[in-house]
Structure formats: C-alpha cells, structure tokens
Amino acid sequence: MQEPTQRISPVVFPEHWDLPVRPDSGSPISLDAFRQTEFQLKSDLRLLHEGMNLQLRVVAESYPARHRTHATAVLLMYWSRAFHYISDSAQLLPRGSYVSIPPLVRSACECIAAAVQLSGEELGDFLAFMAETLRPHEQARATEIGRGSYHAGGTLASNQELGLVYRTATELARPHFGATLIEVAPESNLQKLSVAFGDQAFHFGLAQIELGWLLSLSSVLLKTALDCGELLGTSDETGRAISGFMERTAAMVNSAGRCRIDEIEEGLERRFLISNFRRQPAGAPRRLLL
C-alpha cells in the first residue's frame, strides 16, 4: 500500500469551552426558556461544562511531537467534528430549539464511532485515502479530495452507551409521525392535536433527554481517551478526572425521575419508551411509547 506523504502538523484547539450566555435580546418565550434551563438544569450544565473542558485538556496533552501520527490525527479529526456537534447542541438547547438537536447528536455518534475504528483496526482505510487525496485533478482544474465514504457501524452496534444515544437520536431526527408529534405537538391527547409551530418554550422533558445525550457522548469520548491513552499521551491525573466525570455522568443520566428514553422489546420489534415526560418539573409525568 502506498504511504501518505503528509506530515502531521500541530493540532490547533481552543483553550477552554464556555456554556452559552444569556442573549441580550429575543422573544420573551425564548428568553424565558434560557432562564428556566439555567435554573432547572444547573447541575447538568455544570457537568457538561466540565466534560467539554476535560476533552480540551486531553487534546492539549496530545500536543507533543511524539503524538503526531496518522492514528492520532484521524482520531482528533473525527473527535473535533463530534465536539462541534455537542457544542452547537448546547447552544441551541437553552433557546428551546429542541427539534434541531437530534440530527446533530446522530452525526456526533457517527463521528465518535468513526474515530474509534479508524484510529484502531481500520487505520489502513484512512491511510489509503490519504495516500490518494489532495492531488491535482487536471480535467476539473481542482484539487482532488475524493469522497472516502465510511460508516463505523460496528462500534455503533457494540458500544452500548453510544448505540443507545445513536438509535434514540436517530428516531427523533427522522420525519416519523411519532417523533414529529412529540417534538411539535407534545401537549396533544385523545381530545386535541395541539401544534406549536416554531415553539421555543421551555420543555423540561426534552431538555433532560437531550442534555443527557450530550453528557453521555462526552463520557464516551473521554472513555475513548482513556482507551487510547498511549496514542494521545493522556496523563494519570487527567485519567482520574475522566473516571470521576464518567461516574457522575452515569449517576446523572440514570437518576430516578429523570426524563429519558429506553429501548424495550415488544414481540420482535424494538420500541422506545419515554419516561417522566413533562413540560415543567412540577407537571404530571407521562409515559410515551414510540
């Protein structure tokens, strides 16, 4: 196999990640959503802030020249995409833009799975692509990139935590009837179909589900950092901080009374059970089955 010709440059990365700040202007409904998100989900947001900055800490520790390999590069490339998806979701959530988050979370899951497989046993696929890309294409008078189509289905199937987030986010990202009803008409019942067009009002249940996804994905990424400690140069001190974060995240997303989505089997069909679904924390919790 032909080897790539590119040298690995130092990785450029931000020094820290901050939670979204309250906007100076906006509709009263969206401003109220921001206020309630900060108040009702303060612990979730604080934990997410810790997890995002732990990710940057791992990236910083991978900076020395000895870690500038193609395996590290492909891991960080896909990790960067996932980091963006999580960060953008965190910006959208306090604005009540719950409908926009599932597609971002689904893409984050696919990139995390790709990072795991391509930095490990399937690194050869990436090296083969890099050996052929970034060359002149005379006919198009362009730089040849190529598609390099790839899907890391094995990790999505085998990693329990990542796979659950992927399947539930995918269910809500698709234009299915049930997902559309939950996201756009969540107050509907047998007596009425209550459509809320462009709704930005705070929804405690949806916010808990989606923040739970972001925390779980941060945990999976940091677990990957532990598994790839030699590749990334992750220190023992950072490893201990990651272990503590993972324990607190597991306790948070699995806590009693939290709105969450679980998979259940009904006959030969996999279905999704949403527990503790409610608009406000004091509201009566509902159980919804997709």
C-alpha atoms as a PDB file:
ATOM      1  CA  MET A   1       0.000   0.000   0.000  1.00  0.00           C
ATOM      2  CA  GLN A   2       1.244   3.477  -0.879  1.00  0.00           C
ATOM      3  CA  GLU A   3       2.033   5.575   2.193  1.00  0.00           C
ATOM      4  CA  PRO A   4       0.649   9.099   2.735  1.00  0.00           C
ATOM      5  CA  THR A   5       3.135  11.867   2.048  1.00  0.00           C
ATOM      6  CA  GLN A   6       1.745  14.424   4.500  1.00  0.00           C
ATOM      7  CA  ARG A   7       3.463  15.235   7.771  1.00  0.00           C
ATOM      8  CA  ILE A   8       1.193  15.757  10.771  1.00  0.00           C
ATOM      9  CA  SER A   9       1.088  19.401  11.832  1.00  0.00           C
ATOM     10  CA  PRO A  10       0.497  20.513  15.451  1.00  0.00           C
ATOM     11  CA  VAL A  11      -3.180  20.459  16.350  1.00  0.00           C
ATOM     12  CA  VAL A  12      -4.875  23.842  16.782  1.00  0.00           C
ATOM     13  CA  PHE A  13      -7.515  23.890  19.527  1.00  0.00           C
ATOM     14  CA  PRO A  14      -9.345  26.333  21.848  1.00  0.00           C
ATOM     15  CA  GLU A  15      -8.055  26.773  25.375  1.00  0.00           C
ATOM     16  CA  HIS A  16     -11.456  26.438  27.023  1.00  0.00           C
ATOM     17  CA  TRP A  17     -15.158  25.907  26.336  1.00  0.00           C
ATOM     18  CA  ASP A  18     -17.888  28.031  27.888  1.00  0.00           C
ATOM     19  CA  LEU A  19     -21.574  27.467  28.394  1.00  0.00           C
ATOM     20  CA  PRO A  20     -23.897  29.651  26.298  1.00  0.00           C
ATOM     21  CA  VAL A  21     -24.514  33.103  27.713  1.00  0.00           C
ATOM     22  CA  ARG A  22     -27.915  34.717  28.065  1.00  0.00           C
ATOM     23  CA  PRO A  23     -28.812  36.638  24.897  1.00  0.00           C
ATOM     24  CA  ASP A  24     -29.324  40.379  25.168  1.00  0.00           C
ATOM     25  CA  SER A  25     -32.468  40.259  23.074  1.00  0.00           C
ATOM     26  CA  GLY A  26     -35.033  37.809  21.766  1.00  0.00           C
ATOM     27  CA  SER A  27     -38.648  36.849  22.160  1.00  0.00           C
ATOM     28  CA  PRO A  28     -39.965  36.686  25.747  1.00  0.00           C
ATOM     29  CA  ILE A  29     -40.602  32.957  25.271  1.00  0.00           C
ATOM     30  CA  SER A  30     -37.027  32.145  24.175  1.00  0.00           C
ATOM     31  CA  LEU A  31     -35.554  34.324  26.934  1.00  0.00           C
ATOM     32  CA  ASP A  32     -37.721  32.503  29.467  1.00  0.00           C
ATOM     33  CA  ALA A  33     -36.521  29.164  28.062  1.00  0.00           C
ATOM     34  CA  PHE A  34     -32.938  30.264  28.661  1.00  0.00           C
ATOM     35  CA  ARG A  35     -33.732  31.374  32.204  1.00  0.00           C
ATOM     36  CA  GLN A  36     -35.535  28.144  33.072  1.00  0.00           C
ATOM     37  CA  THR A  37     -32.823  25.968  31.513  1.00  0.00           C
ATOM     38  CA  GLU A  38     -30.176  27.686  33.632  1.00  0.00           C
ATOM     39  CA  PHE A  39     -32.284  27.328  36.775  1.00  0.00           C
ATOM     40  CA  GLN A  40     -33.840  23.872  36.371  1.00  0.00           C
ATOM     41  CA  LEU A  41     -30.840  22.103  34.796  1.00  0.00           C
ATOM     42  CA  LYS A  42     -27.955  23.822  36.517  1.00  0.00           C
ATOM     43  CA  SER A  43     -26.289  20.556  37.576  1.00  0.00           C
ATOM     44  CA  ASP A  44     -26.492  19.097  34.066  1.00  0.00           C
ATOM     45  CA  LEU A  45     -24.973  22.223  32.546  1.00  0.00           C
ATOM     46  CA  ARG A  46     -22.184  22.357  35.116  1.00  0.00           C
ATOM     47  CA  LEU A  47     -21.304  18.723  34.416  1.00  0.00           C
ATOM     48  CA  LEU A  48     -21.356  19.306  30.651  1.00  0.00           C
ATOM     49  CA  HIS A  49     -19.016  22.273  31.105  1.00  0.00           C
ATOM     50  CA  GLU A  50     -16.619  20.013  32.997  1.00  0.00           C
ATOM     51  CA  GLY A  51     -16.776  17.305  30.343  1.00  0.00           C
ATOM     52  CA  MET A  52     -16.183  19.638  27.410  1.00  0.00           C
ATOM     53  CA  ASN A  53     -13.160  21.196  29.078  1.00  0.00           C
ATOM     54  CA  LEU A  54     -11.809  17.778  30.009  1.00  0.00           C
ATOM     55  CA  GLN A  55     -11.913  16.941  26.303  1.00  0.00           C
ATOM     56  CA  LEU A  56      -9.818  20.022  25.553  1.00  0.00           C
ATOM     57  CA  ARG A  57      -7.427  19.001  28.327  1.00  0.00           C
ATOM     58  CA  VAL A  58      -6.902  15.644  26.615  1.00  0.00           C
ATOM     59  CA  VAL A  59      -6.293  17.360  23.276  1.00  0.00           C
ATOM     60  CA  ALA A  60      -3.743  19.666  24.922  1.00  0.00           C
ATOM     61  CA  GLU A  61      -1.854  16.670  26.306  1.00  0.00           C
ATOM     62  CA  SER A  62      -1.655  15.161  22.811  1.00  0.00           C
ATOM     63  CA  TYR A  63       0.219  18.234  21.504  1.00  0.00           C
ATOM     64  CA  PRO A  64       3.853  16.994  21.819  1.00  0.00           C
ATOM     65  CA  ALA A  65       5.506  15.960  18.543  1.00  0.00           C
ATOM     66  CA  ARG A  66       5.754  12.273  19.519  1.00  0.00           C
ATOM     67  CA  HIS A  67       1.949  12.003  19.300  1.00  0.00           C
ATOM     68  CA  ARG A  68       1.743  13.465  15.781  1.00  0.00           C
ATOM     69  CA  THR A  69       0.851  10.265  13.988  1.00  0.00           C
ATOM     70  CA  HIS A  70      -1.844   9.490  11.442  1.00  0.00           C
ATOM     71  CA  ALA A  71      -3.675   7.415  14.054  1.00  0.00           C
ATOM     72  CA  THR A  72      -3.812  10.395  16.429  1.00  0.00           C
ATOM     73  CA  ALA A  73      -4.702  12.751  13.588  1.00  0.00           C
ATOM     74  CA  VAL A  74      -7.716  10.764  12.391  1.00  0.00           C
ATOM     75  CA  LEU A  75      -8.914  10.304  15.974  1.00  0.00           C
ATOM     76  CA  LEU A  76      -8.752  14.054  16.613  1.00  0.00           C
ATOM     77  CA  MET A  77     -10.314  14.934  13.241  1.00  0.00           C
ATOM     78  CA  TYR A  78     -13.468  12.966  13.963  1.00  0.00           C
ATOM     79  CA  TRP A  79     -13.392  13.957  17.629  1.00  0.00           C
ATOM     80  CA  SER A  80     -13.344  17.613  16.545  1.00  0.00           C
ATOM     81  CA  ARG A  81     -16.494  17.103  14.458  1.00  0.00           C
ATOM     82  CA  ALA A  82     -18.252  15.464  17.402  1.00  0.00           C
ATOM     83  CA  PHE A  83     -17.074  18.263  19.709  1.00  0.00           C
ATOM     84  CA  HIS A  84     -18.652  20.825  17.350  1.00  0.00           C
ATOM     85  CA  TYR A  85     -21.946  18.923  17.216  1.00  0.00           C
ATOM     86  CA  ILE A  86     -22.130  18.699  21.009  1.00  0.00           C
ATOM     87  CA  SER A  87     -21.130  22.344  21.445  1.00  0.00           C
ATOM     88  CA  ASP A  88     -23.696  23.578  18.907  1.00  0.00           C
ATOM     89  CA  SER A  89     -26.390  21.457  20.550  1.00  0.00           C
ATOM     90  CA  ALA A  90     -25.536  23.049  23.885  1.00  0.00           C
ATOM     91  CA  GLN A  91     -26.034  26.475  22.287  1.00  0.00           C
ATOM     92  CA  LEU A  92     -29.411  25.517  20.828  1.00  0.00           C
ATOM     93  CA  LEU A  93     -30.877  23.833  23.888  1.00  0.00           C
ATOM     94  CA  PRO A  94     -31.304  26.897  26.160  1.00  0.00           C
ATOM     95  CA  ARG A  95     -33.109  28.634  23.273  1.00  0.00           C
ATOM     96  CA  GLY A  96     -35.754  25.933  23.249  1.00  0.00           C
ATOM     97  CA  SER A  97     -34.568  24.649  19.848  1.00  0.00           C
ATOM     98  CA  TYR A  98     -35.096  21.028  20.834  1.00  0.00           C
ATOM     99  CA  VAL A  99     -36.111  19.950  17.308  1.00  0.00           C
ATOM    100  CA  SER A 100     -32.694  20.914  15.884  1.00  0.00           C
ATOM    101  CA  ILE A 101     -30.617  18.796  18.263  1.00  0.00           C
ATOM    102  CA  PRO A 102     -31.344  15.129  17.324  1.00  0.00           C
ATOM    103  CA  PRO A 103     -29.723  15.387  13.849  1.00  0.00           C
ATOM    104  CA  LEU A 104     -26.600  16.925  15.399  1.00  0.00           C
ATOM    105  CA  VAL A 105     -26.441  14.217  18.062  1.00  0.00           C
ATOM    106  CA  ARG A 106     -26.866  11.486  15.469  1.00  0.00           C
ATOM    107  CA  SER A 107     -23.950  12.911  13.446  1.00  0.00           C
ATOM    108  CA  ALA A 108     -21.852  13.172  16.606  1.00  0.00           C
ATOM    109  CA  CYS A 109     -22.441   9.477  17.311  1.00  0.00           C
ATOM    110  CA  GLU A 110     -21.336   8.506  13.807  1.00  0.00           C
ATOM    111  CA  CYS A 111     -18.165  10.592  14.104  1.00  0.00           C
ATOM    112  CA  ILE A 112     -17.300   9.141  17.512  1.00  0.00           C
ATOM    113  CA  ALA A 113     -17.707   5.618  16.142  1.00  0.00           C
ATOM    114  CA  ALA A 114     -15.504   6.538  13.160  1.00  0.00           C
ATOM    115  CA  ALA A 115     -12.835   7.947  15.489  1.00  0.00           C
ATOM    116  CA  VAL A 116     -12.727   4.679  17.426  1.00  0.00           C
ATOM    117  CA  GLN A 117     -12.478   2.379  14.407  1.00  0.00           C
ATOM    118  CA  LEU A 118     -10.208   4.471  12.167  1.00  0.00           C
ATOM    119  CA  SER A 119      -7.636   5.157  14.888  1.00  0.00           C
ATOM    120  CA  GLY A 120      -7.549   1.425  15.603  1.00  0.00           C
ATOM    121  CA  GLU A 121      -8.058  -1.641  13.471  1.00  0.00           C
ATOM    122  CA  GLU A 122      -9.297   0.234  10.375  1.00  0.00           C
ATOM    123  CA  LEU A 123      -6.499   2.835  10.254  1.00  0.00           C
ATOM    124  CA  GLY A 124      -5.414   1.332   6.938  1.00  0.00           C
ATOM    125  CA  ASP A 125      -8.602   2.625   5.284  1.00  0.00           C
ATOM    126  CA  PHE A 126      -7.709   6.183   6.292  1.00  0.00           C
ATOM    127  CA  LEU A 127      -4.061   5.799   5.229  1.00  0.00           C
ATOM    128  CA  ALA A 128      -5.139   4.517   1.803  1.00  0.00           C
ATOM    129  CA  PHE A 129      -7.409   7.541   1.379  1.00  0.00           C
ATOM    130  CA  MET A 130      -4.698   9.996   2.470  1.00  0.00           C
ATOM    131  CA  ALA A 131      -2.231   8.460   0.002  1.00  0.00           C
ATOM    132  CA  GLU A 132      -4.549   9.371  -2.904  1.00  0.00           C
ATOM    133  CA  THR A 133      -6.136  12.648  -1.770  1.00  0.00           C
ATOM    134  CA  LEU A 134      -5.044  16.305  -2.169  1.00  0.00           C
ATOM    135  CA  ARG A 135      -3.656  15.719  -5.654  1.00  0.00           C
ATOM    136  CA  PRO A 136      -4.268  17.883  -8.755  1.00  0.00           C
ATOM    137  CA  HIS A 137      -7.282  16.938 -10.896  1.00  0.00           C
ATOM    138  CA  GLU A 138      -6.403  18.281 -14.329  1.00  0.00           C
ATOM    139  CA  GLN A 139      -9.791  17.822 -16.019  1.00  0.00           C
ATOM    140  CA  ALA A 140     -11.715  19.676 -13.292  1.00  0.00           C
ATOM    141  CA  ARG A 141      -8.813  22.071 -12.632  1.00  0.00           C
ATOM    142  CA  ALA A 142      -9.292  21.380  -8.928  1.00  0.00           C
ATOM    143  CA  THR A 143      -7.621  19.665  -6.015  1.00  0.00           C
ATOM    144  CA  GLU A 144      -8.800  16.067  -5.850  1.00  0.00           C
ATOM    145  CA  ILE A 145     -10.233  15.260  -2.419  1.00  0.00           C
ATOM    146  CA  GLY A 146     -12.450  12.242  -3.043  1.00  0.00           C
ATOM    147  CA  ARG A 147     -15.413  11.101  -1.014  1.00  0.00           C
ATOM    148  CA  GLY A 148     -13.843   8.458   1.163  1.00  0.00           C
ATOM    149  CA  SER A 149     -17.260   7.103   2.148  1.00  0.00           C
ATOM    150  CA  TYR A 150     -17.214   5.496   5.557  1.00  0.00           C
ATOM    151  CA  HIS A 151     -19.638   4.305   8.240  1.00  0.00           C
ATOM    152  CA  ALA A 152     -18.487   2.769  11.525  1.00  0.00           C
ATOM    153  CA  GLY A 153     -21.454   0.507  12.101  1.00  0.00           C
ATOM    154  CA  GLY A 154     -19.518  -1.977  14.228  1.00  0.00           C
ATOM    155  CA  THR A 155     -18.860   0.453  17.074  1.00  0.00           C
ATOM    156  CA  LEU A 156     -22.420   1.829  16.940  1.00  0.00           C
ATOM    157  CA  ALA A 157     -23.672  -1.729  17.362  1.00  0.00           C
ATOM    158  CA  SER A 158     -21.206  -2.874  20.026  1.00  0.00           C
ATOM    159  CA  ASN A 159     -20.866   0.189  22.277  1.00  0.00           C
ATOM    160  CA  GLN A 160     -23.958   0.073  24.492  1.00  0.00           C
ATOM    161  CA  GLU A 161     -23.932   3.706  25.653  1.00  0.00           C
ATOM    162  CA  LEU A 162     -23.094   5.184  22.253  1.00  0.00           C
ATOM    163  CA  GLY A 163     -25.500   2.874  20.441  1.00  0.00           C
ATOM    164  CA  LEU A 164     -28.454   3.817  22.653  1.00  0.00           C
ATOM    165  CA  VAL A 165     -27.884   7.537  22.093  1.00  0.00           C
ATOM    166  CA  TYR A 166     -27.484   6.922  18.359  1.00  0.00           C
ATOM    167  CA  ARG A 167     -30.690   4.937  17.998  1.00  0.00           C
ATOM    168  CA  THR A 168     -32.831   7.271  20.118  1.00  0.00           C
ATOM    169  CA  ALA A 169     -31.469  10.441  18.483  1.00  0.00           C
ATOM    170  CA  THR A 170     -31.963   8.870  15.049  1.00  0.00           C
ATOM    171  CA  GLU A 171     -35.573   8.059  15.908  1.00  0.00           C
ATOM    172  CA  LEU A 172     -36.259  11.694  16.797  1.00  0.00           C
ATOM    173  CA  ALA A 173     -34.237  13.045  13.850  1.00  0.00           C
ATOM    174  CA  ARG A 174     -36.279  11.225  11.232  1.00  0.00           C
ATOM    175  CA  PRO A 175     -39.621  12.527   9.859  1.00  0.00           C
ATOM    176  CA  HIS A 176     -41.634   9.771  11.537  1.00  0.00           C
ATOM    177  CA  PHE A 177     -45.150  10.569  12.722  1.00  0.00           C
ATOM    178  CA  GLY A 178     -44.396   9.748  16.364  1.00  0.00           C
ATOM    179  CA  ALA A 179     -41.236  11.837  16.555  1.00  0.00           C
ATOM    180  CA  THR A 180     -42.997  14.778  14.892  1.00  0.00           C
ATOM    181  CA  LEU A 181     -45.897  14.548  17.343  1.00  0.00           C
ATOM    182  CA  ILE A 182     -43.550  14.555  20.353  1.00  0.00           C
ATOM    183  CA  GLU A 183     -41.386  17.429  19.103  1.00  0.00           C
ATOM    184  CA  VAL A 184     -44.019  19.731  17.598  1.00  0.00           C
ATOM    185  CA  ALA A 185     -47.254  18.814  19.359  1.00  0.00           C
ATOM    186  CA  PRO A 186     -46.196  17.409  22.767  1.00  0.00           C
ATOM    187  CA  GLU A 187     -49.381  18.527  24.561  1.00  0.00           C
ATOM    188  CA  SER A 188     -51.657  16.507  22.261  1.00  0.00           C
ATOM    189  CA  ASN A 189     -54.056  13.861  23.573  1.00  0.00           C
ATOM    190  CA  LEU A 190     -57.147  11.920  22.501  1.00  0.00           C
ATOM    191  CA  GLN A 191     -59.234  15.112  22.556  1.00  0.00           C
ATOM    192  CA  LYS A 192     -56.955  17.518  20.663  1.00  0.00           C
ATOM    193  CA  LEU A 193     -53.991  17.813  18.331  1.00  0.00           C
ATOM    194  CA  SER A 194     -52.101  20.819  19.687  1.00  0.00           C
ATOM    195  CA  VAL A 195     -49.487  22.021  17.170  1.00  0.00           C
ATOM    196  CA  ALA A 196     -46.920  24.545  18.435  1.00  0.00           C
ATOM    197  CA  PHE A 197     -45.314  25.996  15.284  1.00  0.00           C
ATOM    198  CA  GLY A 198     -41.740  27.210  15.791  1.00  0.00           C
ATOM    199  CA  ASP A 199     -42.119  26.631  19.533  1.00  0.00           C
ATOM    200  CA  GLN A 200     -39.230  27.869  21.694  1.00  0.00           C
ATOM    201  CA  ALA A 201     -40.903  27.454  25.061  1.00  0.00           C
ATOM    202  CA  PHE A 202     -39.008  25.584  27.769  1.00  0.00           C
ATOM    203  CA  HIS A 203     -39.735  21.854  27.930  1.00  0.00           C
ATOM    204  CA  PHE A 204     -38.236  20.095  30.934  1.00  0.00           C
ATOM    205  CA  GLY A 205     -38.571  16.592  29.497  1.00  0.00           C
ATOM    206  CA  LEU A 206     -36.992  17.294  26.118  1.00  0.00           C
ATOM    207  CA  ALA A 207     -34.223  19.325  27.749  1.00  0.00           C
ATOM    208  CA  GLN A 208     -33.387  16.453  30.114  1.00  0.00           C
ATOM    209  CA  ILE A 209     -33.345  13.907  27.295  1.00  0.00           C
ATOM    210  CA  GLU A 210     -31.084  15.989  25.083  1.00  0.00           C
ATOM    211  CA  LEU A 211     -28.733  17.160  27.814  1.00  0.00           C
ATOM    212  CA  GLY A 212     -28.478  13.510  28.826  1.00  0.00           C
ATOM    213  CA  TRP A 213     -27.369  12.711  25.278  1.00  0.00           C
ATOM    214  CA  LEU A 214     -24.685  15.416  25.368  1.00  0.00           C
ATOM    215  CA  LEU A 215     -23.379  14.204  28.708  1.00  0.00           C
ATOM    216  CA  SER A 216     -23.331  10.591  27.532  1.00  0.00           C
ATOM    217  CA  LEU A 217     -21.442  11.474  24.363  1.00  0.00           C
ATOM    218  CA  SER A 218     -18.891  13.462  26.379  1.00  0.00           C
ATOM    219  CA  SER A 219     -18.462  10.418  28.595  1.00  0.00           C
ATOM    220  CA  VAL A 220     -17.967   8.106  25.591  1.00  0.00           C
ATOM    221  CA  LEU A 221     -15.384  10.455  24.087  1.00  0.00           C
ATOM    222  CA  LEU A 222     -13.468  10.654  27.345  1.00  0.00           C
ATOM    223  CA  LYS A 223     -13.633   6.872  27.755  1.00  0.00           C
ATOM    224  CA  THR A 224     -12.049   6.693  24.297  1.00  0.00           C
ATOM    225  CA  ALA A 225      -9.279   8.979  25.563  1.00  0.00           C
ATOM    226  CA  LEU A 226      -8.602   6.531  28.393  1.00  0.00           C
ATOM    227  CA  ASP A 227      -8.554   3.594  25.999  1.00  0.00           C
ATOM    228  CA  CYS A 228      -6.178   5.487  23.686  1.00  0.00           C
ATOM    229  CA  GLY A 229      -4.017   6.869  26.496  1.00  0.00           C
ATOM    230  CA  GLU A 230      -0.695   5.986  24.853  1.00  0.00           C
ATOM    231  CA  LEU A 231      -1.819   7.312  21.482  1.00  0.00           C
ATOM    232  CA  LEU A 232      -2.890  10.648  22.971  1.00  0.00           C
ATOM    233  CA  GLY A 233      -0.487  10.954  25.882  1.00  0.00           C
ATOM    234  CA  THR A 234      -3.289  11.229  28.457  1.00  0.00           C
ATOM    235  CA  SER A 235      -1.767  11.749  31.909  1.00  0.00           C
ATOM    236  CA  ASP A 236      -2.694   9.751  35.009  1.00  0.00           C
ATOM    237  CA  GLU A 237      -4.109  12.898  36.621  1.00  0.00           C
ATOM    238  CA  THR A 238      -6.356  13.552  33.631  1.00  0.00           C
ATOM    239  CA  GLY A 239      -7.341   9.889  33.637  1.00  0.00           C
ATOM    240  CA  ARG A 240      -8.510  10.171  37.241  1.00  0.00           C
ATOM    241  CA  ALA A 241     -10.512  13.308  36.387  1.00  0.00           C
ATOM    242  CA  ILE A 242     -12.118  11.462  33.469  1.00  0.00           C
ATOM    243  CA  SER A 243     -13.067   8.499  35.675  1.00  0.00           C
ATOM    244  CA  GLY A 244     -14.730  10.849  38.152  1.00  0.00           C
ATOM    245  CA  PHE A 245     -16.624  12.614  35.380  1.00  0.00           C
ATOM    246  CA  MET A 246     -17.843   9.308  33.937  1.00  0.00           C
ATOM    247  CA  GLU A 247     -19.129   8.161  37.332  1.00  0.00           C
ATOM    248  CA  ARG A 248     -21.044  11.399  37.923  1.00  0.00           C
ATOM    249  CA  THR A 249     -22.438  11.350  34.401  1.00  0.00           C
ATOM    250  CA  ALA A 250     -23.722   7.792  34.779  1.00  0.00           C
ATOM    251  CA  ALA A 251     -25.399   8.735  38.060  1.00  0.00           C
ATOM    252  CA  MET A 252     -26.939  11.844  36.490  1.00  0.00           C
ATOM    253  CA  VAL A 253     -28.392  10.329  33.316  1.00  0.00           C
ATOM    254  CA  ASN A 254     -29.691   7.236  35.151  1.00  0.00           C
ATOM    255  CA  SER A 255     -31.171   9.064  38.138  1.00  0.00           C
ATOM    256  CA  ALA A 256     -34.710   8.245  39.231  1.00  0.00           C
ATOM    257  CA  GLY A 257     -37.328  10.672  37.999  1.00  0.00           C
ATOM    258  CA  ARG A 258     -35.278  11.883  35.035  1.00  0.00           C
ATOM    259  CA  CYS A 259     -36.935  12.061  31.628  1.00  0.00           C
ATOM    260  CA  ARG A 260     -35.167   9.528  29.438  1.00  0.00           C
ATOM    261  CA  ILE A 261     -35.692   7.154  26.528  1.00  0.00           C
ATOM    262  CA  ASP A 262     -35.192   3.418  26.953  1.00  0.00           C
ATOM    263  CA  GLU A 263     -35.411   0.607  24.433  1.00  0.00           C
ATOM    264  CA  ILE A 264     -37.876  -2.190  25.056  1.00  0.00           C
ATOM    265  CA  GLU A 265     -38.748  -5.316  23.107  1.00  0.00           C
ATOM    266  CA  GLU A 266     -42.363  -5.897  22.094  1.00  0.00           C
ATOM    267  CA  GLY A 267     -42.589  -9.148  20.231  1.00  0.00           C
ATOM    268  CA  LEU A 268     -39.900  -8.971  17.584  1.00  0.00           C
ATOM    269  CA  GLU A 269     -39.987  -5.178  17.432  1.00  0.00           C
ATOM    270  CA  ARG A 270     -37.672  -2.723  19.183  1.00  0.00           C
ATOM    271  CA  ARG A 271     -39.591   0.211  20.606  1.00  0.00           C
ATOM    272  CA  PHE A 272     -38.707   3.358  22.558  1.00  0.00           C
ATOM    273  CA  LEU A 273     -40.262   4.149  25.944  1.00  0.00           C
ATOM    274  CA  ILE A 274     -40.079   7.763  27.156  1.00  0.00           C
ATOM    275  CA  SER A 275     -40.497   8.104  30.920  1.00  0.00           C
ATOM    276  CA  ASN A 276     -41.230  11.201  33.036  1.00  0.00           C
ATOM    277  CA  PHE A 277     -42.159  13.369  30.051  1.00  0.00           C
ATOM    278  CA  ARG A 278     -43.498  16.751  31.145  1.00  0.00           C
ATOM    279  CA  ARG A 279     -43.313  20.416  30.200  1.00  0.00           C
ATOM    280  CA  GLN A 280     -42.499  21.675  33.712  1.00  0.00           C
ATOM    281  CA  PRO A 281     -40.773  19.903  36.640  1.00  0.00           C
ATOM    282  CA  ALA A 282     -43.967  20.171  38.735  1.00  0.00           C
ATOM    283  CA  GLY A 283     -46.153  18.763  35.955  1.00  0.00           C
ATOM    284  CA  ALA A 284     -47.652  15.287  35.971  1.00  0.00           C
ATOM    285  CA  PRO A 285     -45.126  12.893  34.344  1.00  0.00           C
ATOM    286  CA  ARG A 286     -46.264  10.900  31.303  1.00  0.00           C
ATOM    287  CA  ARG A 287     -45.001   7.708  29.720  1.00  0.00           C
ATOM    288  CA  LEU A 288     -44.927   7.717  25.912  1.00  0.00           C
ATOM    289  CA  LEU A 289     -44.235   4.735  23.676  1.00  0.00           C
ATOM    290  CA  LEU A 290     -42.841   5.109  20.156  1.00  0.00           C
END
